[in-house]
């Protein structure tokens, strides 16, 4: 009887140790909740780190600059992989812009899956926040992974201003047009100014009271391009007059992106479809 008790005790102890080991491993590999934010180091401050890389590029005001715009990567993981692989075939591209909606439901797992593909780009990438990125606890995830909602940077003779335009998801307190105007004033020494956001100014979700004021700023400060995503369709139009082109990129779902080429104050673009 004593032998049986000892065997049982040892067997129970071994099983308990094995269970604790499995639980410990599970803590590392699985989420307790889809809403938790647990990030690796390469998933933190992505915009800040990549902007530093972009601004350190040896591109002078007289050099040709090429960059790529895509948008709405939400849930299109197979398509994202194909788009990234195709972009990597390009030569002399400086960086990639993602025009918002990295996620569908604002969940950390979605953001992480998108980053898994886009971190394999041969060049840095920078993302603006989309309306889907701001639901559930997506605001906190985006801030932890990408940083500030409104940010700007310089490459060569061009200034890029990234603006949060998710009017409804931010309680009608955005876009911050006062901040935008200060940025536009500071950018007047550059030959080209690109304003990048998710929701286009012609959409109701931009806030109807903001559309006219935004258009006036675009004209007043001679913005080169107003760039957006959101509608999952390509559109190139001039809602604020011929001097201010507005371009809306298609979603990665449709396997396309836009390549911009900047030479001096001349800007051209090509719509690339896989």
C-alpha atoms as a PDB file:
ATOM      1  CA  UNK A   1       0.000   0.000   0.000  1.00  0.00           C
ATOM      2  CA  UNK A   2       2.879   2.342   0.821  1.00  0.00           C
ATOM      3  CA  UNK A   3       4.456   1.668  -2.570  1.00  0.00           C
ATOM      4  CA  UNK A   4       1.205   2.501  -4.338  1.00  0.00           C
ATOM      5  CA  UNK A   5       0.902   5.788  -2.415  1.00  0.00           C
ATOM      6  CA  UNK A   6       4.453   6.783  -3.315  1.00  0.00           C
ATOM      7  CA  UNK A   7       3.865   6.023  -6.997  1.00  0.00           C
ATOM      8  CA  UNK A   8       0.614   7.994  -6.963  1.00  0.00           C
ATOM      9  CA  UNK A   9       2.292  10.931  -5.238  1.00  0.00           C
ATOM     10  CA  UNK A  10       5.176  10.983  -7.690  1.00  0.00           C
ATOM     11  CA  UNK A  11       2.822  10.637 -10.671  1.00  0.00           C
ATOM     12  CA  UNK A  12       0.675  13.493  -9.453  1.00  0.00           C
ATOM     13  CA  UNK A  13       3.730  15.688  -8.906  1.00  0.00           C
ATOM     14  CA  UNK A  14       5.033  14.973 -12.398  1.00  0.00           C
ATOM     15  CA  UNK A  15       1.634  15.733 -13.909  1.00  0.00           C
ATOM     16  CA  UNK A  16       1.422  18.978 -11.961  1.00  0.00           C
ATOM     17  CA  UNK A  17       4.873  20.090 -13.160  1.00  0.00           C
ATOM     18  CA  UNK A  18       3.950  19.251 -16.750  1.00  0.00           C
ATOM     19  CA  UNK A  19       0.700  21.211 -16.461  1.00  0.00           C
ATOM     20  CA  UNK A  20       2.490  24.252 -15.028  1.00  0.00           C
ATOM     21  CA  UNK A  21       4.987  24.117 -17.894  1.00  0.00           C
ATOM     22  CA  UNK A  22       2.243  23.991 -20.489  1.00  0.00           C
ATOM     23  CA  UNK A  23       0.408  26.878 -18.844  1.00  0.00           C
ATOM     24  CA  UNK A  24       3.588  28.939 -18.793  1.00  0.00           C
ATOM     25  CA  UNK A  25       4.154  28.247 -22.487  1.00  0.00           C
ATOM     26  CA  UNK A  26       0.535  29.096 -23.261  1.00  0.00           C
ATOM     27  CA  UNK A  27       0.916  32.458 -21.539  1.00  0.00           C
ATOM     28  CA  UNK A  28       3.632  33.306 -24.061  1.00  0.00           C
ATOM     29  CA  UNK A  29       1.879  31.996 -27.168  1.00  0.00           C
ATOM     30  CA  UNK A  30      -1.804  32.770 -26.582  1.00  0.00           C
ATOM     31  CA  UNK A  31      -3.795  35.848 -25.677  1.00  0.00           C
ATOM     32  CA  UNK A  32      -5.870  35.996 -22.532  1.00  0.00           C
ATOM     33  CA  UNK A  33      -8.231  38.325 -24.380  1.00  0.00           C
ATOM     34  CA  UNK A  34      -8.498  39.606 -27.956  1.00  0.00           C
ATOM     35  CA  UNK A  35      -8.384  43.117 -26.464  1.00  0.00           C
ATOM     36  CA  UNK A  36      -5.038  42.816 -24.709  1.00  0.00           C
ATOM     37  CA  UNK A  37      -2.031  44.693 -26.103  1.00  0.00           C
ATOM     38  CA  UNK A  38       1.146  42.617 -25.892  1.00  0.00           C
ATOM     39  CA  UNK A  39       3.802  43.797 -28.335  1.00  0.00           C
ATOM     40  CA  UNK A  40       7.271  42.734 -29.369  1.00  0.00           C
ATOM     41  CA  UNK A  41       9.929  45.435 -29.583  1.00  0.00           C
ATOM     42  CA  UNK A  42       9.729  45.608 -33.388  1.00  0.00           C
ATOM     43  CA  UNK A  43       5.971  46.281 -33.081  1.00  0.00           C
ATOM     44  CA  UNK A  44       6.393  49.444 -31.001  1.00  0.00           C
ATOM     45  CA  UNK A  45       6.742  53.037 -32.282  1.00  0.00           C
ATOM     46  CA  UNK A  46       6.782  51.878 -35.908  1.00  0.00           C
ATOM     47  CA  UNK A  47       6.082  55.301 -37.400  1.00  0.00           C
ATOM     48  CA  UNK A  48       8.652  57.046 -35.237  1.00  0.00           C
ATOM     49  CA  UNK A  49      11.385  54.540 -36.024  1.00  0.00           C
ATOM     50  CA  UNK A  50      10.590  54.445 -39.735  1.00  0.00           C
ATOM     51  CA  UNK A  51      10.290  58.214 -40.077  1.00  0.00           C
ATOM     52  CA  UNK A  52      13.775  58.504 -38.582  1.00  0.00           C
ATOM     53  CA  UNK A  53      15.015  56.071 -41.258  1.00  0.00           C
ATOM     54  CA  UNK A  54      13.227  58.012 -44.009  1.00  0.00           C
ATOM     55  CA  UNK A  55      14.589  61.377 -42.922  1.00  0.00           C
ATOM     56  CA  UNK A  56      18.095  59.887 -42.771  1.00  0.00           C
ATOM     57  CA  UNK A  57      17.960  58.813 -46.426  1.00  0.00           C
ATOM     58  CA  UNK A  58      20.548  60.576 -48.628  1.00  0.00           C
ATOM     59  CA  UNK A  59      17.897  62.307 -50.764  1.00  0.00           C
ATOM     60  CA  UNK A  60      18.608  65.953 -51.561  1.00  0.00           C
ATOM     61  CA  UNK A  61      16.189  68.575 -52.859  1.00  0.00           C
ATOM     62  CA  UNK A  62      17.496  68.011 -56.390  1.00  0.00           C
ATOM     63  CA  UNK A  63      17.156  64.215 -56.293  1.00  0.00           C
ATOM     64  CA  UNK A  64      14.242  62.202 -57.663  1.00  0.00           C
ATOM     65  CA  UNK A  65      11.956  60.883 -54.927  1.00  0.00           C
ATOM     66  CA  UNK A  66       9.680  57.869 -55.343  1.00  0.00           C
ATOM     67  CA  UNK A  67       7.196  56.679 -52.767  1.00  0.00           C
ATOM     68  CA  UNK A  68       4.188  54.366 -52.746  1.00  0.00           C
ATOM     69  CA  UNK A  69       0.659  54.813 -51.422  1.00  0.00           C
ATOM     70  CA  UNK A  70      -1.630  51.914 -50.539  1.00  0.00           C
ATOM     71  CA  UNK A  71      -4.548  51.660 -48.110  1.00  0.00           C
ATOM     72  CA  UNK A  72      -7.114  49.552 -46.280  1.00  0.00           C
ATOM     73  CA  UNK A  73      -5.152  46.416 -45.481  1.00  0.00           C
ATOM     74  CA  UNK A  74      -7.884  45.256 -43.082  1.00  0.00           C
ATOM     75  CA  UNK A  75      -8.157  41.470 -43.114  1.00  0.00           C
ATOM     76  CA  UNK A  76      -6.645  41.064 -46.587  1.00  0.00           C
ATOM     77  CA  UNK A  77      -3.619  39.126 -45.377  1.00  0.00           C
ATOM     78  CA  UNK A  78      -2.990  37.028 -48.490  1.00  0.00           C
ATOM     79  CA  UNK A  79      -3.385  40.100 -50.693  1.00  0.00           C
ATOM     80  CA  UNK A  80      -1.101  42.148 -48.413  1.00  0.00           C
ATOM     81  CA  UNK A  81       1.629  39.550 -48.818  1.00  0.00           C
ATOM     82  CA  UNK A  82       1.325  39.699 -52.596  1.00  0.00           C
ATOM     83  CA  UNK A  83       1.332  43.511 -52.632  1.00  0.00           C
ATOM     84  CA  UNK A  84       4.439  43.664 -50.432  1.00  0.00           C
ATOM     85  CA  UNK A  85       6.257  41.136 -52.616  1.00  0.00           C
ATOM     86  CA  UNK A  86       5.374  43.156 -55.726  1.00  0.00           C
ATOM     87  CA  UNK A  87       6.473  46.444 -54.156  1.00  0.00           C
ATOM     88  CA  UNK A  88       9.810  44.852 -53.292  1.00  0.00           C
ATOM     89  CA  UNK A  89      10.479  44.404 -57.008  1.00  0.00           C
ATOM     90  CA  UNK A  90      10.661  48.186 -57.464  1.00  0.00           C
ATOM     91  CA  UNK A  91      13.961  49.984 -57.570  1.00  0.00           C
ATOM     92  CA  UNK A  92      14.625  53.389 -56.004  1.00  0.00           C
ATOM     93  CA  UNK A  93      11.447  53.579 -53.892  1.00  0.00           C
ATOM     94  CA  UNK A  94      12.136  55.475 -50.663  1.00  0.00           C
ATOM     95  CA  UNK A  95       9.165  54.468 -48.518  1.00  0.00           C
ATOM     96  CA  UNK A  96       5.545  53.278 -48.415  1.00  0.00           C
ATOM     97  CA  UNK A  97       2.495  55.067 -46.994  1.00  0.00           C
ATOM     98  CA  UNK A  98      -0.520  53.100 -45.725  1.00  0.00           C
ATOM     99  CA  UNK A  99      -3.638  55.252 -45.872  1.00  0.00           C
ATOM    100  CA  UNK A 100      -5.374  53.823 -42.805  1.00  0.00           C
ATOM    101  CA  UNK A 101      -7.618  50.927 -41.796  1.00  0.00           C
ATOM    102  CA  UNK A 102      -4.868  48.494 -41.001  1.00  0.00           C
ATOM    103  CA  UNK A 103      -7.441  46.557 -38.967  1.00  0.00           C
ATOM    104  CA  UNK A 104     -11.096  45.622 -39.292  1.00  0.00           C
ATOM    105  CA  UNK A 105     -12.070  45.484 -35.615  1.00  0.00           C
ATOM    106  CA  UNK A 106      -9.288  47.448 -33.941  1.00  0.00           C
ATOM    107  CA  UNK A 107      -7.721  44.316 -32.440  1.00  0.00           C
ATOM    108  CA  UNK A 108      -4.012  44.005 -31.701  1.00  0.00           C
ATOM    109  CA  UNK A 109      -3.805  40.664 -33.504  1.00  0.00           C
ATOM    110  CA  UNK A 110      -4.974  42.314 -36.740  1.00  0.00           C
ATOM    111  CA  UNK A 111      -2.399  45.101 -36.509  1.00  0.00           C
ATOM    112  CA  UNK A 112       0.318  42.560 -35.756  1.00  0.00           C
ATOM    113  CA  UNK A 113      -0.586  40.406 -38.777  1.00  0.00           C
ATOM    114  CA  UNK A 114      -0.402  43.431 -41.095  1.00  0.00           C
ATOM    115  CA  UNK A 115       2.959  44.422 -39.634  1.00  0.00           C
ATOM    116  CA  UNK A 116       4.261  40.883 -40.188  1.00  0.00           C
ATOM    117  CA  UNK A 117       3.882  41.472 -43.933  1.00  0.00           C
ATOM    118  CA  UNK A 118       4.839  45.142 -44.181  1.00  0.00           C
ATOM    119  CA  UNK A 119       7.970  44.803 -42.058  1.00  0.00           C
ATOM    120  CA  UNK A 120       9.330  42.594 -44.878  1.00  0.00           C
ATOM    121  CA  UNK A 121       9.335  45.587 -47.232  1.00  0.00           C
ATOM    122  CA  UNK A 122      12.764  46.593 -48.496  1.00  0.00           C
ATOM    123  CA  UNK A 123      11.948  50.162 -47.421  1.00  0.00           C
ATOM    124  CA  UNK A 124      10.361  51.795 -44.339  1.00  0.00           C
ATOM    125  CA  UNK A 125       6.609  52.216 -44.123  1.00  0.00           C
ATOM    126  CA  UNK A 126       4.437  54.747 -42.283  1.00  0.00           C
ATOM    127  CA  UNK A 127       0.703  54.449 -41.548  1.00  0.00           C
ATOM    128  CA  UNK A 128      -2.129  56.869 -40.788  1.00  0.00           C
ATOM    129  CA  UNK A 129      -4.973  55.881 -38.484  1.00  0.00           C
ATOM    130  CA  UNK A 130      -8.248  54.729 -40.078  1.00  0.00           C
ATOM    131  CA  UNK A 131     -11.788  54.665 -38.739  1.00  0.00           C
ATOM    132  CA  UNK A 132     -11.707  50.884 -38.227  1.00  0.00           C
ATOM    133  CA  UNK A 133      -8.433  51.302 -36.342  1.00  0.00           C
ATOM    134  CA  UNK A 134     -10.272  53.466 -33.801  1.00  0.00           C
ATOM    135  CA  UNK A 135     -12.981  51.008 -32.682  1.00  0.00           C
ATOM    136  CA  UNK A 136     -12.882  48.691 -29.641  1.00  0.00           C
ATOM    137  CA  UNK A 137      -9.468  49.454 -28.099  1.00  0.00           C
ATOM    138  CA  UNK A 138      -7.882  50.131 -31.482  1.00  0.00           C
ATOM    139  CA  UNK A 139      -6.911  53.686 -30.519  1.00  0.00           C
ATOM    140  CA  UNK A 140      -4.681  52.332 -27.779  1.00  0.00           C
ATOM    141  CA  UNK A 141      -3.251  49.666 -30.098  1.00  0.00           C
ATOM    142  CA  UNK A 142      -2.491  52.169 -32.862  1.00  0.00           C
ATOM    143  CA  UNK A 143      -0.847  54.568 -30.388  1.00  0.00           C
ATOM    144  CA  UNK A 144       1.279  51.779 -28.921  1.00  0.00           C
ATOM    145  CA  UNK A 145       2.323  50.420 -32.307  1.00  0.00           C
ATOM    146  CA  UNK A 146       2.501  53.519 -34.504  1.00  0.00           C
ATOM    147  CA  UNK A 147       2.556  56.559 -32.230  1.00  0.00           C
ATOM    148  CA  UNK A 148       0.851  59.945 -32.666  1.00  0.00           C
ATOM    149  CA  UNK A 149      -2.267  60.277 -34.809  1.00  0.00           C
ATOM    150  CA  UNK A 150      -1.003  63.548 -36.342  1.00  0.00           C
ATOM    151  CA  UNK A 151       2.621  63.655 -37.463  1.00  0.00           C
ATOM    152  CA  UNK A 152       4.828  65.092 -40.210  1.00  0.00           C
ATOM    153  CA  UNK A 153       8.204  64.477 -41.804  1.00  0.00           C
ATOM    154  CA  UNK A 154      10.464  65.731 -44.576  1.00  0.00           C
ATOM    155  CA  UNK A 155      12.173  64.022 -47.507  1.00  0.00           C
ATOM    156  CA  UNK A 156      14.243  66.026 -49.979  1.00  0.00           C
ATOM    157  CA  UNK A 157      12.152  68.997 -51.108  1.00  0.00           C
ATOM    158  CA  UNK A 158       8.855  67.496 -49.907  1.00  0.00           C
ATOM    159  CA  UNK A 159       6.914  67.723 -46.665  1.00  0.00           C
ATOM    160  CA  UNK A 160       4.470  64.971 -45.653  1.00  0.00           C
ATOM    161  CA  UNK A 161       1.707  65.743 -43.161  1.00  0.00           C
ATOM    162  CA  UNK A 162      -0.253  62.784 -41.747  1.00  0.00           C
ATOM    163  CA  UNK A 163      -3.637  63.804 -40.363  1.00  0.00           C
ATOM    164  CA  UNK A 164      -6.305  61.988 -38.352  1.00  0.00           C
ATOM    165  CA  UNK A 165      -9.631  62.558 -40.159  1.00  0.00           C
ATOM    166  CA  UNK A 166     -11.768  59.938 -38.403  1.00  0.00           C
ATOM    167  CA  UNK A 167     -14.410  62.449 -37.358  1.00  0.00           C
ATOM    168  CA  UNK A 168     -17.036  60.091 -35.912  1.00  0.00           C
ATOM    169  CA  UNK A 169     -14.692  57.748 -34.054  1.00  0.00           C
ATOM    170  CA  UNK A 170     -12.970  60.682 -32.338  1.00  0.00           C
ATOM    171  CA  UNK A 171     -16.184  62.370 -31.123  1.00  0.00           C
ATOM    172  CA  UNK A 172     -16.174  64.964 -33.915  1.00  0.00           C
ATOM    173  CA  UNK A 173     -12.974  66.524 -32.524  1.00  0.00           C
ATOM    174  CA  UNK A 174     -10.890  65.751 -35.604  1.00  0.00           C
ATOM    175  CA  UNK A 175      -9.504  66.681 -38.043  1.00  0.00           C
ATOM    176  CA  UNK A 176      -7.451  69.199 -36.085  1.00  0.00           C
ATOM    177  CA  UNK A 177      -7.407  71.925 -38.707  1.00  0.00           C
ATOM    178  CA  UNK A 178      -5.569  74.373 -36.443  1.00  0.00           C
ATOM    179  CA  UNK A 179      -2.689  71.913 -36.120  1.00  0.00           C
ATOM    180  CA  UNK A 180      -2.858  71.291 -39.868  1.00  0.00           C
ATOM    181  CA  UNK A 181      -2.602  75.000 -40.664  1.00  0.00           C
ATOM    182  CA  UNK A 182       0.443  75.387 -38.428  1.00  0.00           C
ATOM    183  CA  UNK A 183       2.050  72.464 -40.219  1.00  0.00           C
ATOM    184  CA  UNK A 184       1.204  73.949 -43.604  1.00  0.00           C
ATOM    185  CA  UNK A 185       2.676  77.294 -42.590  1.00  0.00           C
ATOM    186  CA  UNK A 186       5.881  75.579 -41.481  1.00  0.00           C
ATOM    187  CA  UNK A 187       6.009  73.693 -44.791  1.00  0.00           C
ATOM    188  CA  UNK A 188       5.972  76.749 -47.041  1.00  0.00           C
ATOM    189  CA  UNK A 189       9.689  76.505 -47.710  1.00  0.00           C
ATOM    190  CA  UNK A 190       9.255  73.160 -49.469  1.00  0.00           C
ATOM    191  CA  UNK A 191       8.455  72.689 -53.153  1.00  0.00           C
ATOM    192  CA  UNK A 192       5.889  69.934 -52.479  1.00  0.00           C
ATOM    193  CA  UNK A 193       3.391  69.333 -49.672  1.00  0.00           C
ATOM    194  CA  UNK A 194       1.470  66.078 -49.317  1.00  0.00           C
ATOM    195  CA  UNK A 195      -1.373  65.808 -46.813  1.00  0.00           C
ATOM    196  CA  UNK A 196      -2.206  62.164 -46.059  1.00  0.00           C
ATOM    197  CA  UNK A 197      -5.255  60.895 -44.172  1.00  0.00           C
ATOM    198  CA  UNK A 198      -7.705  58.020 -44.186  1.00  0.00           C
ATOM    199  CA  UNK A 199     -11.158  59.509 -44.771  1.00  0.00           C
ATOM    200  CA  UNK A 200     -11.265  61.842 -47.805  1.00  0.00           C
ATOM    201  CA  UNK A 201     -12.606  65.378 -47.315  1.00  0.00           C
ATOM    202  CA  UNK A 202     -15.543  64.695 -49.646  1.00  0.00           C
ATOM    203  CA  UNK A 203     -16.963  61.954 -47.366  1.00  0.00           C
ATOM    204  CA  UNK A 204     -19.616  62.740 -44.783  1.00  0.00           C
ATOM    205  CA  UNK A 205     -17.494  60.944 -42.157  1.00  0.00           C
ATOM    206  CA  UNK A 206     -14.942  63.753 -42.564  1.00  0.00           C
ATOM    207  CA  UNK A 207     -17.464  66.146 -41.000  1.00  0.00           C
ATOM    208  CA  UNK A 208     -19.392  68.334 -43.398  1.00  0.00           C
ATOM    209  CA  UNK A 209     -18.430  71.453 -41.427  1.00  0.00           C
ATOM    210  CA  UNK A 210     -14.738  70.622 -42.034  1.00  0.00           C
ATOM    211  CA  UNK A 211     -14.794  70.063 -45.786  1.00  0.00           C
ATOM    212  CA  UNK A 212     -14.864  73.685 -46.929  1.00  0.00           C
ATOM    213  CA  UNK A 213     -12.257  74.784 -44.378  1.00  0.00           C
ATOM    214  CA  UNK A 214      -9.977  71.929 -45.387  1.00  0.00           C
ATOM    215  CA  UNK A 215     -10.327  72.868 -49.070  1.00  0.00           C
ATOM    216  CA  UNK A 216      -9.483  76.478 -48.299  1.00  0.00           C
ATOM    217  CA  UNK A 217      -6.316  75.403 -46.488  1.00  0.00           C
ATOM    218  CA  UNK A 218      -5.323  73.213 -49.433  1.00  0.00           C
ATOM    219  CA  UNK A 219      -5.642  76.152 -51.812  1.00  0.00           C
ATOM    220  CA  UNK A 220      -4.178  78.796 -49.513  1.00  0.00           C
ATOM    221  CA  UNK A 221      -1.007  76.836 -48.833  1.00  0.00           C
ATOM    222  CA  UNK A 222      -0.665  75.334 -52.307  1.00  0.00           C
ATOM    223  CA  UNK A 223      -0.817  71.697 -51.252  1.00  0.00           C
ATOM    224  CA  UNK A 224       0.552  69.420 -53.975  1.00  0.00           C
ATOM    225  CA  UNK A 225      -1.658  66.385 -53.243  1.00  0.00           C
ATOM    226  CA  UNK A 226      -4.339  65.370 -50.775  1.00  0.00           C
ATOM    227  CA  UNK A 227      -3.972  61.563 -50.370  1.00  0.00           C
ATOM    228  CA  UNK A 228      -6.488  59.135 -48.813  1.00  0.00           C
ATOM    229  CA  UNK A 229      -7.939  55.634 -48.543  1.00  0.00           C
ATOM    230  CA  UNK A 230     -11.257  54.519 -47.005  1.00  0.00           C
ATOM    231  CA  UNK A 231     -13.525  53.992 -50.021  1.00  0.00           C
ATOM    232  CA  UNK A 232     -11.815  50.805 -51.317  1.00  0.00           C
ATOM    233  CA  UNK A 233     -11.806  52.287 -54.790  1.00  0.00           C
ATOM    234  CA  UNK A 234      -9.323  54.324 -56.787  1.00  0.00           C
ATOM    235  CA  UNK A 235     -10.428  57.897 -57.422  1.00  0.00           C
ATOM    236  CA  UNK A 236      -8.546  60.907 -58.758  1.00  0.00           C
ATOM    237  CA  UNK A 237     -10.497  64.175 -58.685  1.00  0.00           C
ATOM    238  CA  UNK A 238     -10.395  67.929 -58.034  1.00  0.00           C
ATOM    239  CA  UNK A 239     -13.173  68.845 -55.548  1.00  0.00           C
ATOM    240  CA  UNK A 240     -11.358  72.047 -54.492  1.00  0.00           C
ATOM    241  CA  UNK A 241     -10.336  73.286 -57.931  1.00  0.00           C
ATOM    242  CA  UNK A 242      -7.760  72.263 -60.505  1.00  0.00           C
ATOM    243  CA  UNK A 243      -4.845  73.376 -58.324  1.00  0.00           C
ATOM    244  CA  UNK A 244      -5.456  70.748 -55.607  1.00  0.00           C
ATOM    245  CA  UNK A 245      -5.665  67.113 -56.774  1.00  0.00           C
ATOM    246  CA  UNK A 246      -7.247  64.588 -54.408  1.00  0.00           C
ATOM    247  CA  UNK A 247      -6.310  60.930 -54.812  1.00  0.00           C
ATOM    248  CA  UNK A 248      -7.975  57.993 -53.074  1.00  0.00           C
ATOM    249  CA  UNK A 249      -6.065  54.710 -53.173  1.00  0.00           C
ATOM    250  CA  UNK A 250      -7.799  51.375 -53.595  1.00  0.00           C
ATOM    251  CA  UNK A 251      -7.696  48.699 -50.897  1.00  0.00           C
ATOM    252  CA  UNK A 252      -4.991  46.033 -50.989  1.00  0.00           C
ATOM    253  CA  UNK A 253      -7.889  43.622 -51.481  1.00  0.00           C
ATOM    254  CA  UNK A 254      -7.862  44.622 -55.147  1.00  0.00           C
ATOM    255  CA  UNK A 255      -4.106  44.099 -55.494  1.00  0.00           C
ATOM    256  CA  UNK A 256      -3.051  47.577 -56.516  1.00  0.00           C
ATOM    257  CA  UNK A 257      -1.092  50.568 -55.271  1.00  0.00           C
ATOM    258  CA  UNK A 258       0.120  53.986 -56.458  1.00  0.00           C
ATOM    259  CA  UNK A 259       3.732  54.915 -57.244  1.00  0.00           C
ATOM    260  CA  UNK A 260       4.538  58.641 -57.010  1.00  0.00           C
ATOM    261  CA  UNK A 261       7.573  60.217 -58.627  1.00  0.00           C
ATOM    262  CA  UNK A 262       8.757  63.651 -57.498  1.00  0.00           C
ATOM    263  CA  UNK A 263      11.259  65.604 -59.598  1.00  0.00           C
ATOM    264  CA  UNK A 264      11.671  69.157 -58.399  1.00  0.00           C
ATOM    265  CA  UNK A 265       8.164  70.588 -58.218  1.00  0.00           C
ATOM    266  CA  UNK A 266       6.841  68.121 -60.787  1.00  0.00           C
ATOM    267  CA  UNK A 267       4.838  65.203 -59.343  1.00  0.00           C
ATOM    268  CA  UNK A 268       3.504  62.292 -61.384  1.00  0.00           C
ATOM    269  CA  UNK A 269       1.991  58.979 -60.381  1.00  0.00           C
ATOM    270  CA  UNK A 270       1.326  55.524 -61.781  1.00  0.00           C
ATOM    271  CA  UNK A 271      -1.488  53.190 -60.797  1.00  0.00           C
ATOM    272  CA  UNK A 272       0.003  49.693 -60.462  1.00  0.00           C
ATOM    273  CA  UNK A 273      -2.329  46.705 -60.675  1.00  0.00           C
ATOM    274  CA  UNK A 274      -0.993  43.188 -60.046  1.00  0.00           C
END
